[in-house]
Amino acid sequence: MFQTVAGIVEANGQVRLLEPVVINGPRRAIVTILDDADSSGVLETAFLSQAALAKDWNRPEEDAAWSGLKSVK
C-alpha cells in the first residue's frame, strides 16, 4: 500500500515529514521536490482527496483490473 505524506526538504537535504508515519520496518520512498509554496491550493486538494480515492482504488477488483500492467522484477 502506498502512503502520501507531506514534508519539507531542508537546505541540507534532510527530509522532515509533516505528520507521523507508522511502518513496520525500512521502506523505500520517492521524494518529489516541488516549487516554492503552492498558492493555488491544488497540492492540498490532492492530499485531502487521497483518502477518499483510496476507498475506490484499494479494492481487489481494481488490483485485478490493473494486474496486467505490473512490471517484472
C-alpha atoms as a PDB file:
ATOM      1  CA  MET A   1       0.000   0.000   0.000  1.00  0.00           C
ATOM      2  CA  PHE A   2       1.239   3.474  -0.829  1.00  0.00           C
ATOM      3  CA  GLN A   3       1.092   6.395   1.566  1.00  0.00           C
ATOM      4  CA  THR A   4       1.467  10.035   0.611  1.00  0.00           C
ATOM      5  CA  VAL A   5       2.847  12.285   3.308  1.00  0.00           C
ATOM      6  CA  ALA A   6       3.637  15.983   3.056  1.00  0.00           C
ATOM      7  CA  GLY A   7       7.091  17.025   4.133  1.00  0.00           C
ATOM      8  CA  ILE A   8       9.791  19.622   3.812  1.00  0.00           C
ATOM      9  CA  VAL A   9      13.275  19.105   2.445  1.00  0.00           C
ATOM     10  CA  GLU A  10      15.670  21.340   4.357  1.00  0.00           C
ATOM     11  CA  ALA A  11      18.531  23.167   2.620  1.00  0.00           C
ATOM     12  CA  ASN A  12      20.945  20.490   3.902  1.00  0.00           C
ATOM     13  CA  GLY A  13      18.859  17.740   2.225  1.00  0.00           C
ATOM     14  CA  GLN A  14      17.264  16.428   5.412  1.00  0.00           C
ATOM     15  CA  VAL A  15      13.627  15.387   4.914  1.00  0.00           C
ATOM     16  CA  ARG A  16      11.158  16.374   7.644  1.00  0.00           C
ATOM     17  CA  LEU A  17       7.697  14.803   7.451  1.00  0.00           C
ATOM     18  CA  LEU A  18       4.753  16.976   8.494  1.00  0.00           C
ATOM     19  CA  GLU A  19       2.772  14.113  10.034  1.00  0.00           C
ATOM     20  CA  PRO A  20       3.641  10.864  11.800  1.00  0.00           C
ATOM     21  CA  VAL A  21       4.164   7.739   9.710  1.00  0.00           C
ATOM     22  CA  VAL A  22       3.775   4.242  11.166  1.00  0.00           C
ATOM     23  CA  ILE A  23       5.642   1.480   9.322  1.00  0.00           C
ATOM     24  CA  ASN A  24       6.903  -1.922  10.420  1.00  0.00           C
ATOM     25  CA  GLY A  25      10.423  -1.707   9.043  1.00  0.00           C
ATOM     26  CA  PRO A  26      12.567   0.107   6.482  1.00  0.00           C
ATOM     27  CA  ARG A  27      10.729   1.129   3.316  1.00  0.00           C
ATOM     28  CA  ARG A  28      11.734   2.671   0.012  1.00  0.00           C
ATOM     29  CA  ALA A  29      10.417   6.166  -0.628  1.00  0.00           C
ATOM     30  CA  ILE A  30      10.121   8.591  -3.505  1.00  0.00           C
ATOM     31  CA  VAL A  31      10.626  12.259  -2.716  1.00  0.00           C
ATOM     32  CA  THR A  32       9.280  14.800  -5.182  1.00  0.00           C
ATOM     33  CA  ILE A  33      10.736  18.286  -4.807  1.00  0.00           C
ATOM     34  CA  LEU A  34       8.092  20.919  -5.536  1.00  0.00           C
ATOM     35  CA  ASP A  35       8.471  24.594  -6.375  1.00  0.00           C
ATOM     36  CA  ASP A  36       8.110  27.111  -3.568  1.00  0.00           C
ATOM     37  CA  ALA A  37       4.749  27.447  -1.815  1.00  0.00           C
ATOM     38  CA  ASP A  38       1.782  26.273  -3.864  1.00  0.00           C
ATOM     39  CA  SER A  39      -0.506  29.296  -3.671  1.00  0.00           C
ATOM     40  CA  SER A  40      -3.289  27.705  -5.727  1.00  0.00           C
ATOM     41  CA  GLY A  41      -4.227  25.086  -3.110  1.00  0.00           C
ATOM     42  CA  VAL A  42      -4.048  22.306  -5.712  1.00  0.00           C
ATOM     43  CA  LEU A  43      -1.467  20.338  -3.728  1.00  0.00           C
ATOM     44  CA  GLU A  44      -3.562  20.442  -0.567  1.00  0.00           C
ATOM     45  CA  THR A  45      -6.620  19.296  -2.514  1.00  0.00           C
ATOM     46  CA  ALA A  46      -4.657  16.347  -3.896  1.00  0.00           C
ATOM     47  CA  PHE A  47      -3.532  15.292  -0.416  1.00  0.00           C
ATOM     48  CA  LEU A  48      -7.027  15.655   1.020  1.00  0.00           C
ATOM     49  CA  SER A  49      -8.622  13.626  -1.784  1.00  0.00           C
ATOM     50  CA  GLN A  50      -6.229  10.695  -1.378  1.00  0.00           C
ATOM     51  CA  ALA A  51      -8.187   9.011   1.429  1.00  0.00           C
ATOM     52  CA  ALA A  52     -11.490   9.299  -0.432  1.00  0.00           C
ATOM     53  CA  LEU A  53      -9.996   7.933  -3.651  1.00  0.00           C
ATOM     54  CA  ALA A  54      -8.210   5.111  -1.811  1.00  0.00           C
ATOM     55  CA  LYS A  55     -11.583   3.644  -0.830  1.00  0.00           C
ATOM     56  CA  ASP A  56     -12.278   3.029  -4.505  1.00  0.00           C
ATOM     57  CA  TRP A  57      -8.740   2.271  -5.637  1.00  0.00           C
ATOM     58  CA  ASN A  58      -7.756  -0.172  -2.874  1.00  0.00           C
ATOM     59  CA  ARG A  59     -10.165  -2.952  -3.800  1.00  0.00           C
ATOM     60  CA  PRO A  60      -9.415  -6.439  -5.111  1.00  0.00           C
ATOM     61  CA  GLU A  61     -11.384  -5.639  -8.283  1.00  0.00           C
ATOM     62  CA  GLU A  62      -9.078  -2.703  -9.022  1.00  0.00           C
ATOM     63  CA  ASP A  63      -5.984  -4.821  -8.378  1.00  0.00           C
ATOM     64  CA  ALA A  64      -7.283  -7.442 -10.809  1.00  0.00           C
ATOM     65  CA  ALA A  65      -8.123  -4.833 -13.444  1.00  0.00           C
ATOM     66  CA  TRP A  66      -4.612  -3.332 -13.358  1.00  0.00           C
ATOM     67  CA  SER A  67      -2.644  -6.550 -12.763  1.00  0.00           C
ATOM     68  CA  GLY A  68      -1.599  -6.762 -16.404  1.00  0.00           C
ATOM     69  CA  LEU A  69       0.385  -3.523 -16.025  1.00  0.00           C
ATOM     70  CA  LYS A  70       2.628  -4.691 -13.179  1.00  0.00           C
ATOM     71  CA  SER A  71       6.323  -4.547 -14.035  1.00  0.00           C
ATOM     72  CA  VAL A  72       8.511  -7.622 -13.968  1.00  0.00           C
ATOM     73  CA  LYS A  73      11.279  -7.565 -11.337  1.00  0.00           C
END
